[in-house]
Protein backbone atom coordinates (compact mmCIF):
# COMPACT_ATOMS: atom_id res chain seq x y z
CA MET A 1 31.54 123.28 114.24
CA SER A 2 28.68 125.26 112.81
CA SER A 3 26.75 125.81 109.62
CA PHE A 4 28.46 124.94 106.34
CA ASN A 5 31.32 127.40 105.64
CA LYS A 6 29.91 130.11 107.90
CA GLY A 7 31.55 129.39 111.23
CA VAL A 8 29.98 130.09 114.58
CA ARG A 9 28.42 133.54 114.59
CA LYS A 10 26.55 133.60 117.89
CA ALA A 11 26.67 131.01 120.66
CA GLU A 12 24.90 130.56 123.95
CA VAL A 13 26.29 128.70 126.95
CA THR A 14 23.71 127.46 129.44
CA LEU A 15 24.36 125.96 132.86
CA ARG A 16 21.97 124.31 135.25
CA TRP A 17 22.22 122.36 138.50
CA ASP A 18 19.91 121.26 141.29
CA PRO A 19 19.80 123.24 144.52
CA SER A 20 21.66 121.86 147.53
CA PRO A 21 19.73 119.56 149.88
CA LEU A 22 17.71 121.35 152.54
CA GLY A 23 19.91 122.60 155.36
CA GLN A 24 23.11 122.45 153.27
CA PRO A 25 24.99 125.50 151.97
CA ALA A 26 23.97 126.57 148.46
CA HIS A 27 26.16 125.56 145.52
CA ASP A 28 27.15 128.51 143.35
CA LEU A 29 28.47 127.63 139.89
CA ASP A 30 29.59 130.28 137.44
CA ILE A 31 30.18 130.43 133.69
CA VAL A 32 33.46 132.14 132.80
CA ALA A 33 34.70 133.24 129.36
CA ALA A 34 38.30 134.32 128.73
CA THR A 35 39.14 136.15 125.50
CA TYR A 36 42.68 136.00 124.10
CA ARG A 37 44.35 138.20 121.52
CA ALA A 38 45.10 136.63 118.13
CA ASP A 39 48.80 137.42 118.57
CA ALA A 40 48.93 135.76 122.03
CA PRO A 41 46.30 132.99 122.07
CA HIS A 42 47.91 131.20 125.02
CA GLY A 43 49.09 134.22 126.99
CA GLU A 44 47.15 136.24 129.51
CA PRO A 45 43.51 136.80 128.64
CA ALA A 46 42.73 140.23 127.19
CA TYR A 47 39.59 140.20 129.34
CA VAL A 48 37.41 137.82 131.32
CA VAL A 49 33.62 137.80 131.59
CA HIS A 50 32.20 136.33 134.81
CA PHE A 51 29.94 136.97 137.81
CA ASP A 52 27.45 139.50 136.43
CA SER A 53 29.80 141.16 133.97
CA ARG A 54 30.15 141.69 130.24
CA SER A 55 32.93 142.24 127.72
CA PRO A 56 34.07 145.83 127.11
CA ASP A 57 32.53 145.77 123.61
CA GLY A 58 29.31 144.01 124.67
CA THR A 59 29.93 140.90 122.54
CA ILE A 60 30.02 138.53 125.55
CA ILE A 61 27.33 138.95 128.18
CA LEU A 62 26.33 136.92 131.20
CA VAL A 63 22.58 137.38 130.99
CA ARG A 64 21.51 135.18 133.90
CA ASP A 65 23.44 134.48 137.11
CA SER A 66 22.19 132.16 139.87
CA LYS A 67 23.82 131.69 143.23
CA THR A 68 21.73 128.68 144.30
CA GLY A 69 20.56 126.64 141.29
CA GLN A 70 16.93 127.39 142.15
CA GLY A 71 14.39 128.07 139.46
CA PHE A 72 13.24 126.60 136.17
CA GLY A 73 15.37 126.10 133.08
CA SER A 74 18.94 127.31 132.94
CA ASP A 75 20.45 128.85 136.06
CA GLU A 76 23.15 130.73 134.16
CA VAL A 77 23.25 131.85 130.53
CA MET A 78 26.08 133.52 128.61
CA THR A 79 25.77 134.89 125.07
CA LEU A 80 28.82 135.19 122.81
CA GLU A 81 28.50 137.20 119.57
CA PHE A 82 31.48 136.15 117.47
CA ASP A 83 30.31 137.95 114.35
CA ARG A 84 30.85 141.23 116.25
CA LEU A 85 34.12 140.31 118.02
CA ALA A 86 37.07 142.41 116.82
CA ALA A 87 39.67 140.77 114.56
CA ALA A 88 42.27 141.40 117.29
CA TYR A 89 40.88 138.40 119.18
CA GLY A 90 41.52 134.83 118.10
CA ARG A 91 40.54 132.53 120.95
CA VAL A 92 37.77 132.38 123.56
CA LEU A 93 37.69 129.73 126.27
CA VAL A 94 34.52 128.95 128.19
CA GLY A 95 34.64 127.37 131.61
CA VAL A 96 32.61 126.66 134.71
CA CYS A 97 33.86 127.15 138.25
CA ILE A 98 32.37 126.40 141.66
CA GLN A 99 32.55 129.11 144.30
CA GLN A 100 34.40 127.68 147.31
CA ARG A 101 32.69 129.39 150.24
CA ASP A 102 31.82 126.58 152.66
CA GLY A 103 34.62 124.07 152.28
CA ARG A 104 35.81 122.30 149.15
CA THR A 105 33.04 121.51 146.64
CA VAL A 106 33.69 119.47 143.48
CA PHE A 107 31.41 118.71 140.55
CA ALA A 108 30.53 115.30 142.05
CA ASP A 109 28.97 117.18 145.00
CA VAL A 110 26.57 119.12 142.74
CA ALA A 111 23.46 117.23 141.64
CA ASN A 112 22.43 117.20 137.97
CA ALA A 113 24.91 119.80 136.75
CA LEU A 114 24.84 120.24 132.97
CA VAL A 115 26.49 122.76 130.67
CA ARG A 116 25.46 123.12 127.03
CA VAL A 117 26.98 125.14 124.20
CA LEU A 118 24.42 126.04 121.54
CA GLU A 119 24.27 127.87 118.26
CA GLY A 120 20.60 128.61 117.83
CA HIS A 121 18.88 125.25 118.35
CA ILE A 122 21.98 123.24 117.43
CA GLU A 123 23.94 121.78 120.34
CA LEU A 124 27.66 122.15 119.70
CA GLY A 125 28.66 120.40 122.92
CA SER A 126 27.56 119.51 126.42
CA SER A 127 28.95 118.02 129.62
CA ASP A 128 27.54 116.68 132.86
CA PHE A 129 31.02 117.03 134.42
CA ALA A 130 31.32 113.26 135.05
CA ALA A 131 34.74 113.28 133.35
CA VAL A 132 35.96 115.91 135.83
CA ALA A 133 33.92 114.90 138.90
CA GLY A 134 36.77 115.56 141.33
CA SER A 135 37.49 119.05 139.99
CA THR A 136 36.36 122.46 141.24
CA ALA A 137 36.50 124.08 137.80
CA ALA A 138 36.58 123.01 134.15
CA VAL A 139 37.13 124.38 130.68
CA VAL A 140 34.12 123.15 128.67
CA GLY A 141 34.78 124.58 125.23
CA GLU A 142 37.14 126.52 123.04
CA PHE A 143 36.33 128.85 120.17
CA THR A 144 39.12 129.72 117.76
CA ARG A 145 39.22 131.98 114.72
CA SER A 146 40.46 130.19 111.58
CA GLU A 147 42.84 131.75 109.06
CA ALA A 148 39.76 132.51 106.94
CA GLY A 149 38.31 134.50 109.85
CA GLU A 150 35.58 131.98 110.72
CA TRP A 151 34.99 130.99 114.34
CA GLU A 152 35.14 127.26 115.12
CA PHE A 153 34.04 125.43 118.25
CA HIS A 154 36.17 122.69 119.79
CA ARG A 155 34.58 120.56 122.49
CA THR A 156 36.92 119.98 125.37
CA VAL A 157 36.46 119.16 129.02
CA ARG A 158 39.54 119.80 131.17
CA GLY A 159 39.27 119.79 134.94
CA PHE A 160 41.14 122.00 137.40
CA ASP A 161 41.46 122.00 141.16
CA ALA A 162 41.55 125.73 141.67
CA GLU A 163 39.74 128.64 143.27
CA PRO A 164 37.79 130.75 140.72
CA GLN A 165 40.44 133.52 140.40
CA GLU A 166 43.23 130.96 140.10
CA PHE A 167 41.21 129.06 137.48
CA VAL A 168 40.96 132.20 135.31
CA ALA A 169 44.75 132.48 135.31
CA LEU A 170 45.25 128.76 134.53
CA MET A 171 42.48 128.00 132.04
CA GLY A 172 44.21 129.32 128.92
CA GLY A 173 47.51 127.46 129.37
């Protein structure tokens, strides 16, 4: 949860991992956010933000997207502005999926993977994917709007064995 009685207003999800060993195909991990309507929080997502995209209203933006894990700091960063998200939406799930281009890759195959959910400098949750090491995708957090209209964060790590598009369809169930 966030600051006293204010709820989460703006969150950042960061993802990093080490590049593949020399001569091996690059690992490509992606942050995915699925937004659900308040009247159907477990139905089909109203929209999904992934792979260099943003929400229609600009409240969820993938600001950094790596296809290799190379570089310093976070390889992928997504910003979620809940204080601007329309009241029609009541649930946002955040996940990470591994692109499956060169055979099956699971989190155990990716060195030093770490996802963090932050509100400012406060860490709301993190995962090194050890709990879902045999999975190809995982939900790593859930934001829900309370009856008072405040956004709350719920740490969760649920693994899936699914291709990225299939994961998007399954993650909200």
